[in-house]
N, C-alpha and C. Protein backbone atom coordinates (compact mmCIF):
# COMPACT_ATOMS: atom_id res chain seq x y z
N ARG A 1 -18.54 -1.22 161.02
CA ARG A 1 -17.67 -1.61 160.00
C ARG A 1 -16.70 -0.28 159.85
N ALA A 2 -17.65 1.27 159.76
CA ALA A 2 -16.85 2.21 160.06
C ALA A 2 -15.90 2.52 161.43
N ALA A 3 -16.41 2.00 162.22
CA ALA A 3 -15.43 2.13 163.71
C ALA A 3 -14.54 1.46 163.69
N ALA A 4 -14.54 0.21 162.79
CA ALA A 4 -13.40 -0.60 163.11
C ALA A 4 -12.39 -0.12 162.01
N ALA A 5 -12.79 0.57 160.96
CA ALA A 5 -12.16 0.96 159.73
C ALA A 5 -11.06 2.34 160.70
N ALA A 6 -11.97 3.04 161.33
CA ALA A 6 -11.28 4.24 162.00
C ALA A 6 -10.36 3.59 163.35
N GLY A 7 -10.58 2.74 163.74
CA GLY A 7 -9.85 2.35 164.90
C GLY A 7 -8.28 1.72 164.13
N ARG A 8 -8.54 1.03 163.14
CA ARG A 8 -7.33 0.55 162.34
C ARG A 8 -6.41 1.79 162.04
N ARG A 9 -6.94 2.46 161.67
CA ARG A 9 -6.26 3.98 160.83
C ARG A 9 -5.99 4.76 162.37
N HIS A 10 -5.91 4.32 163.31
CA HIS A 10 -5.50 5.32 164.65
C HIS A 10 -4.04 4.78 164.88
N TYR A 11 -3.88 3.51 164.50
CA TYR A 11 -2.46 2.69 164.82
C TYR A 11 -1.52 2.95 163.59
N ARG A 12 -1.60 3.56 162.38
CA ARG A 12 -0.98 3.71 161.44
C ARG A 12 0.48 4.69 162.47
N ARG A 13 1.52 4.39 161.54
CA ARG A 13 2.79 5.36 162.09
C ARG A 13 2.79 6.58 161.27
N GLU A 14 2.34 6.69 160.19
CA GLU A 14 2.49 7.80 159.32
C GLU A 14 1.22 8.68 159.46
N PRO A 15 1.22 10.17 159.39
CA PRO A 15 0.12 10.74 160.00
C PRO A 15 -0.64 10.78 158.59
N LEU A 16 -1.61 10.75 158.61
CA LEU A 16 -2.92 10.80 157.54
C LEU A 16 -3.48 12.14 157.21
N ASP A 17 -3.12 12.45 155.87
CA ASP A 17 -3.33 13.74 155.46
C ASP A 17 -4.80 13.96 155.19
N LEU A 18 -5.62 14.38 156.17
CA LEU A 18 -7.04 14.46 156.22
C LEU A 18 -7.53 15.61 155.17
N GLU A 19 -7.09 16.31 154.62
CA GLU A 19 -7.32 17.29 153.69
C GLU A 19 -7.92 16.72 152.64
N ARG A 20 -6.83 15.34 151.94
CA ARG A 20 -6.93 14.99 150.81
C ARG A 20 -7.11 13.58 150.79
N HIS A 21 -7.82 13.16 151.77
CA HIS A 21 -7.90 11.98 152.25
C HIS A 21 -9.71 11.37 152.03
N ALA A 22 -10.09 11.11 150.97
CA ALA A 22 -11.33 10.83 150.57
C ALA A 22 -12.45 10.15 151.61
N GLU A 23 -11.71 8.99 151.91
CA GLU A 23 -12.22 8.13 153.05
C GLU A 23 -12.43 8.83 154.21
N TYR A 24 -11.69 9.52 154.69
CA TYR A 24 -11.84 10.50 155.79
C TYR A 24 -13.34 10.90 155.87
N TRP A 25 -13.66 11.96 154.63
CA TRP A 25 -14.40 12.65 154.50
C TRP A 25 -15.62 11.85 154.47
N GLU A 26 -15.78 10.75 153.74
CA GLU A 26 -16.78 9.72 153.73
C GLU A 26 -17.41 9.35 155.03
N LEU A 27 -16.34 8.70 155.85
CA LEU A 27 -16.80 8.40 156.86
C LEU A 27 -17.19 9.23 158.11
N LYS A 28 -16.39 10.35 157.95
CA LYS A 28 -17.30 11.71 158.76
C LYS A 28 -18.54 11.91 158.57
N SER A 29 -19.03 11.94 157.06
CA SER A 29 -20.36 12.28 156.81
C SER A 29 -21.21 11.33 157.24
N VAL A 30 -20.71 9.82 156.97
CA VAL A 30 -21.74 8.57 157.55
C VAL A 30 -21.92 9.05 158.99
N LEU A 31 -20.78 9.10 159.59
CA LEU A 31 -20.92 8.91 161.08
C LEU A 31 -21.88 10.24 161.44
N LYS A 32 -21.99 11.49 160.81
CA LYS A 32 -22.55 12.58 161.37
C LYS A 32 -24.16 12.11 160.95
N LYS A 33 -24.27 11.39 159.93
CA LYS A 33 -25.88 11.11 159.57
C LYS A 33 -26.32 10.17 160.72
N ALA A 34 -25.47 9.13 160.86
CA ALA A 34 -25.87 8.31 161.95
C ALA A 34 -26.07 8.68 163.44
N GLU A 35 -25.29 9.65 163.84
CA GLU A 35 -25.39 10.50 164.88
C GLU A 35 -26.81 11.09 164.95
N GLY A 36 -27.08 12.02 163.91
CA GLY A 36 -28.28 12.41 163.68
C GLY A 36 -29.81 11.43 163.86
N ASP A 37 -29.28 10.55 162.96
CA ASP A 37 -30.85 9.41 163.03
C ASP A 37 -30.73 9.00 164.61
N VAL A 38 -29.62 8.65 165.35
CA VAL A 38 -29.64 8.15 166.57
C VAL A 38 -30.67 8.97 167.82
N ILE A 39 -30.02 10.61 167.49
CA ILE A 39 -30.77 11.55 168.26
C ILE A 39 -32.10 11.60 167.64
N VAL A 40 -32.76 11.73 166.58
CA VAL A 40 -33.88 11.69 166.35
C VAL A 40 -34.89 10.41 167.23
N ALA A 41 -33.95 9.73 166.72
CA ALA A 41 -35.03 8.25 167.37
C ALA A 41 -34.84 8.15 168.61
N CYS A 42 -34.44 8.77 169.35
CA CYS A 42 -34.52 8.85 170.50
C CYS A 42 -35.06 9.76 171.12
N GLY A 43 -35.76 10.84 170.43
CA GLY A 43 -36.66 11.80 170.81
C GLY A 43 -36.24 13.25 171.08
N PHE A 44 -35.07 13.58 170.56
CA PHE A 44 -34.41 14.67 171.02
C PHE A 44 -35.12 15.76 170.17
N VAL A 45 -35.15 17.06 170.77
CA VAL A 45 -35.66 18.08 169.92
C VAL A 45 -34.53 18.83 169.29
N LEU A 46 -34.33 18.96 168.29
CA LEU A 46 -33.09 19.26 167.79
C LEU A 46 -33.32 20.81 167.62
N HIS A 47 -34.21 21.36 167.54
CA HIS A 47 -34.43 23.33 167.51
C HIS A 47 -34.81 23.55 168.76
N VAL A 48 -33.94 24.27 169.60
CA VAL A 48 -34.00 24.75 170.87
C VAL A 48 -34.03 26.31 170.91
N GLU A 49 -34.87 26.97 171.77
CA GLU A 49 -34.81 28.51 171.74
C GLU A 49 -33.96 28.83 172.78
N HIS A 50 -33.03 29.58 172.90
CA HIS A 50 -31.93 30.22 174.31
C HIS A 50 -32.49 31.07 174.71
N PRO A 51 -32.19 31.29 176.16
CA PRO A 51 -32.87 32.58 176.78
C PRO A 51 -32.03 33.77 176.64
N HIS A 52 -30.80 33.83 175.71
CA HIS A 52 -30.03 34.99 175.65
C HIS A 52 -30.64 35.88 174.94
N LYS A 53 -31.65 35.44 173.82
CA LYS A 53 -32.07 36.39 172.94
C LYS A 53 -32.94 37.35 173.95
N PHE A 54 -33.79 36.44 174.99
CA PHE A 54 -34.63 37.10 175.85
C PHE A 54 -33.92 38.21 176.56
N ILE A 55 -32.88 37.99 177.03
CA ILE A 55 -32.11 38.81 178.06
C ILE A 55 -32.00 40.25 177.37
N LEU A 56 -31.53 39.93 176.21
CA LEU A 56 -31.24 41.54 175.30
C LEU A 56 -32.55 42.18 174.97
N SER A 57 -33.68 41.35 174.66
CA SER A 57 -34.95 42.05 174.37
C SER A 57 -35.43 42.69 175.82
N TYR A 58 -35.46 42.04 176.92
CA TYR A 58 -36.24 42.46 177.78
C TYR A 58 -35.18 43.69 178.56
N LEU A 59 -33.90 43.53 178.39
CA LEU A 59 -32.84 44.50 179.00
C LEU A 59 -32.99 45.75 178.20
N ARG A 60 -33.52 45.68 177.03
CA ARG A 60 -33.84 46.84 176.13
C ARG A 60 -34.88 47.60 176.62
N VAL A 61 -35.70 46.94 177.02
CA VAL A 61 -37.10 47.45 177.63
C VAL A 61 -36.93 47.93 179.13
N LEU A 62 -36.08 47.60 179.69
CA LEU A 62 -35.68 47.91 180.94
C LEU A 62 -34.47 49.20 180.69
N ASN A 63 -34.04 49.37 180.19
CA ASN A 63 -32.60 50.32 180.01
C ASN A 63 -31.71 50.00 180.29
N GLY A 64 -31.31 48.71 180.28
CA GLY A 64 -30.36 48.08 181.15
C GLY A 64 -28.84 48.30 180.34
N ASP A 65 -27.85 48.80 181.13
CA ASP A 65 -26.49 48.94 180.63
C ASP A 65 -25.77 47.65 180.16
N ALA A 66 -24.32 47.65 179.92
CA ALA A 66 -23.91 46.90 179.31
C ALA A 66 -23.69 45.78 180.47
N ARG A 67 -23.03 46.25 181.48
CA ARG A 67 -22.83 45.53 182.85
C ARG A 67 -23.97 44.95 183.41
N PHE A 68 -24.91 45.51 183.38
CA PHE A 68 -26.47 44.63 183.55
C PHE A 68 -26.74 43.41 182.81
N ALA A 69 -26.38 43.52 181.37
CA ALA A 69 -26.50 42.64 180.65
C ALA A 69 -25.58 41.45 180.50
N GLN A 70 -24.19 41.80 180.68
CA GLN A 70 -23.03 40.64 181.34
C GLN A 70 -23.57 39.86 182.49
N GLU A 71 -23.87 40.53 183.38
CA GLU A 71 -24.48 39.66 184.78
C GLU A 71 -25.53 38.96 184.19
N ALA A 72 -26.33 39.14 183.80
CA ALA A 72 -27.47 38.53 183.38
C ALA A 72 -26.82 37.31 182.38
N TRP A 73 -26.18 37.73 181.31
CA TRP A 73 -25.89 36.54 180.40
C TRP A 73 -25.08 35.60 181.04
N SER A 74 -24.19 36.16 181.93
CA SER A 74 -23.55 35.26 182.65
C SER A 74 -24.20 34.08 183.66
N ARG A 75 -25.34 34.72 184.03
CA ARG A 75 -26.20 33.91 185.02
C ARG A 75 -26.77 32.54 183.90
N VAL A 76 -27.46 33.20 182.83
CA VAL A 76 -27.61 32.42 181.87
C VAL A 76 -26.82 30.93 181.67
N ASN A 77 -25.53 31.73 181.39
CA ASN A 77 -24.61 30.65 180.79
C ASN A 77 -24.29 29.69 182.04
N ASP A 78 -24.23 30.28 183.39
CA ASP A 78 -24.17 29.27 184.62
C ASP A 78 -25.44 28.00 184.58
N ALA A 79 -26.79 28.95 184.20
CA ALA A 79 -27.88 28.01 184.31
C ALA A 79 -27.90 26.75 183.31
N LEU A 80 -27.24 26.86 181.89
CA LEU A 80 -27.32 26.09 180.83
C LEU A 80 -26.41 24.99 181.26
N ARG A 81 -25.77 25.08 182.25
CA ARG A 81 -25.01 23.99 182.66
C ARG A 81 -25.80 22.82 183.72
N THR A 82 -26.66 23.19 184.44
CA THR A 82 -27.63 22.32 185.16
C THR A 82 -28.72 22.03 184.24
N THR A 83 -29.53 21.38 184.94
CA THR A 83 -30.84 21.03 184.18
C THR A 83 -32.13 22.04 184.14
N VAL A 84 -31.52 23.31 184.69
CA VAL A 84 -32.62 24.37 184.46
C VAL A 84 -33.20 24.20 183.27
N CYS A 85 -32.19 24.38 182.22
CA CYS A 85 -32.45 24.57 180.68
C CYS A 85 -34.06 23.76 180.20
N VAL A 86 -33.70 22.16 180.87
CA VAL A 86 -34.63 21.51 180.56
C VAL A 86 -36.04 21.35 181.61
N ARG A 87 -35.96 22.28 182.52
CA ARG A 87 -37.12 22.27 183.33
C ARG A 87 -37.73 23.73 183.16
N TYR A 88 -37.46 24.44 182.57
CA TYR A 88 -38.07 25.92 182.60
C TYR A 88 -38.21 26.58 181.01
N GLU A 89 -39.17 27.53 180.75
CA GLU A 89 -38.87 27.77 179.39
C GLU A 89 -38.13 28.61 179.57
N PRO A 90 -37.26 28.68 177.85
CA PRO A 90 -36.40 30.10 178.19
C PRO A 90 -36.48 31.44 178.73
N HIS A 91 -37.98 32.15 178.30
CA HIS A 91 -38.13 33.29 178.79
C HIS A 91 -38.00 33.38 180.29
N VAL A 92 -38.47 32.29 180.80
CA VAL A 92 -38.43 32.11 182.22
C VAL A 92 -37.01 32.29 182.94
N ILE A 93 -36.11 31.30 182.31
CA ILE A 93 -34.62 31.56 182.77
C ILE A 93 -34.29 32.95 182.53
N ALA A 94 -34.46 33.43 181.39
CA ALA A 94 -33.97 34.75 181.36
C ALA A 94 -34.35 35.90 182.18
N VAL A 95 -35.57 35.64 182.73
CA VAL A 95 -36.15 36.46 183.61
C VAL A 95 -35.68 36.57 185.13
N ALA A 96 -35.71 35.23 185.38
CA ALA A 96 -34.68 34.78 186.46
C ALA A 96 -33.31 35.25 186.59
N ALA A 97 -32.55 35.03 185.21
CA ALA A 97 -31.17 35.83 185.29
C ALA A 97 -31.20 37.18 185.53
N ILE A 98 -32.25 38.01 184.78
CA ILE A 98 -31.94 39.49 185.09
C ILE A 98 -32.32 39.71 186.49
N PHE A 99 -33.31 39.16 187.32
CA PHE A 99 -33.47 39.35 188.55
C PHE A 99 -32.41 38.90 189.35
N MET A 100 -31.78 38.06 188.89
CA MET A 100 -30.63 37.64 190.04
C MET A 100 -29.66 38.80 189.50
N ALA A 101 -29.33 39.08 188.49
CA ALA A 101 -28.37 40.24 188.20
C ALA A 101 -28.53 41.33 188.76
N SER A 102 -29.92 41.78 188.95
CA SER A 102 -30.36 42.86 189.35
C SER A 102 -29.85 42.98 191.04
N ARG A 103 -30.29 41.94 191.46
CA ARG A 103 -30.16 41.87 193.02
C ARG A 103 -28.35 41.80 193.29
N HIS A 104 -27.76 41.41 192.24
CA HIS A 104 -26.07 41.31 192.38
C HIS A 104 -25.49 42.73 192.31
N LEU A 105 -26.02 43.50 191.11
CA LEU A 105 -25.51 44.65 190.89
C LEU A 105 -26.43 45.84 191.70
N ARG A 106 -27.27 45.43 192.40
CA ARG A 106 -28.33 46.35 193.22
C ARG A 106 -29.23 47.27 192.42
N VAL A 107 -29.50 46.86 191.42
CA VAL A 107 -30.07 47.55 190.23
C VAL A 107 -31.79 47.41 190.58
N ALA A 108 -32.40 48.86 190.53
CA ALA A 108 -33.72 48.56 191.34
C ALA A 108 -34.55 47.95 189.83
N LEU A 109 -35.50 46.85 189.81
CA LEU A 109 -36.54 46.60 188.60
C LEU A 109 -37.83 47.56 188.79
N PRO A 110 -38.66 47.86 187.78
CA PRO A 110 -39.87 48.78 187.92
C PRO A 110 -40.73 47.27 188.83
N GLU A 111 -41.48 48.14 189.57
CA GLU A 111 -42.66 47.40 190.31
C GLU A 111 -43.86 47.17 189.25
N ALA A 112 -44.50 46.14 189.66
CA ALA A 112 -45.77 45.88 188.93
C ALA A 112 -46.91 46.54 189.38
N ASP A 113 -47.74 47.05 188.33
CA ASP A 113 -48.94 47.96 188.70
C ASP A 113 -49.94 46.77 189.34
N GLY A 114 -50.92 47.12 190.16
CA GLY A 114 -51.71 46.50 190.73
C GLY A 114 -52.97 46.12 189.70
N ASP A 115 -53.08 46.63 188.99
CA ASP A 115 -54.31 46.38 187.42
C ASP A 115 -53.99 45.44 186.95
N ASP A 116 -52.20 45.08 186.97
CA ASP A 116 -52.07 44.10 186.00
C ASP A 116 -51.90 42.50 186.40
N ASP A 117 -52.81 41.95 185.59
CA ASP A 117 -53.16 40.44 185.96
C ASP A 117 -52.25 39.57 185.47
N ARG A 118 -51.22 39.65 184.91
CA ARG A 118 -50.10 38.88 184.57
C ARG A 118 -49.46 38.35 185.60
């Protein structure tokens, strides 16, 4: 019903003043609620953790500069356009982005100690 009303409104000749049109805001609210209900019903998780925050934390420990951070950040942005974000945990994506950025910029990363079991 709401979609039909929205469709009819599309064919009006005069522009609709959305700021003062109460029906618009009501339909927008109903549509957002319905969209949320559909997403939850489909089993989507609405709270996600992004790898970006891990990049900043890890690079702080590594004393990475702004150029290094920007390169890793760009790698994460590119990764989020693929299926990587649903296949791996965000901290893993961040580590991979830092690794790729270090290779691209030829920045040496610290080596792991032999005693470390992680």
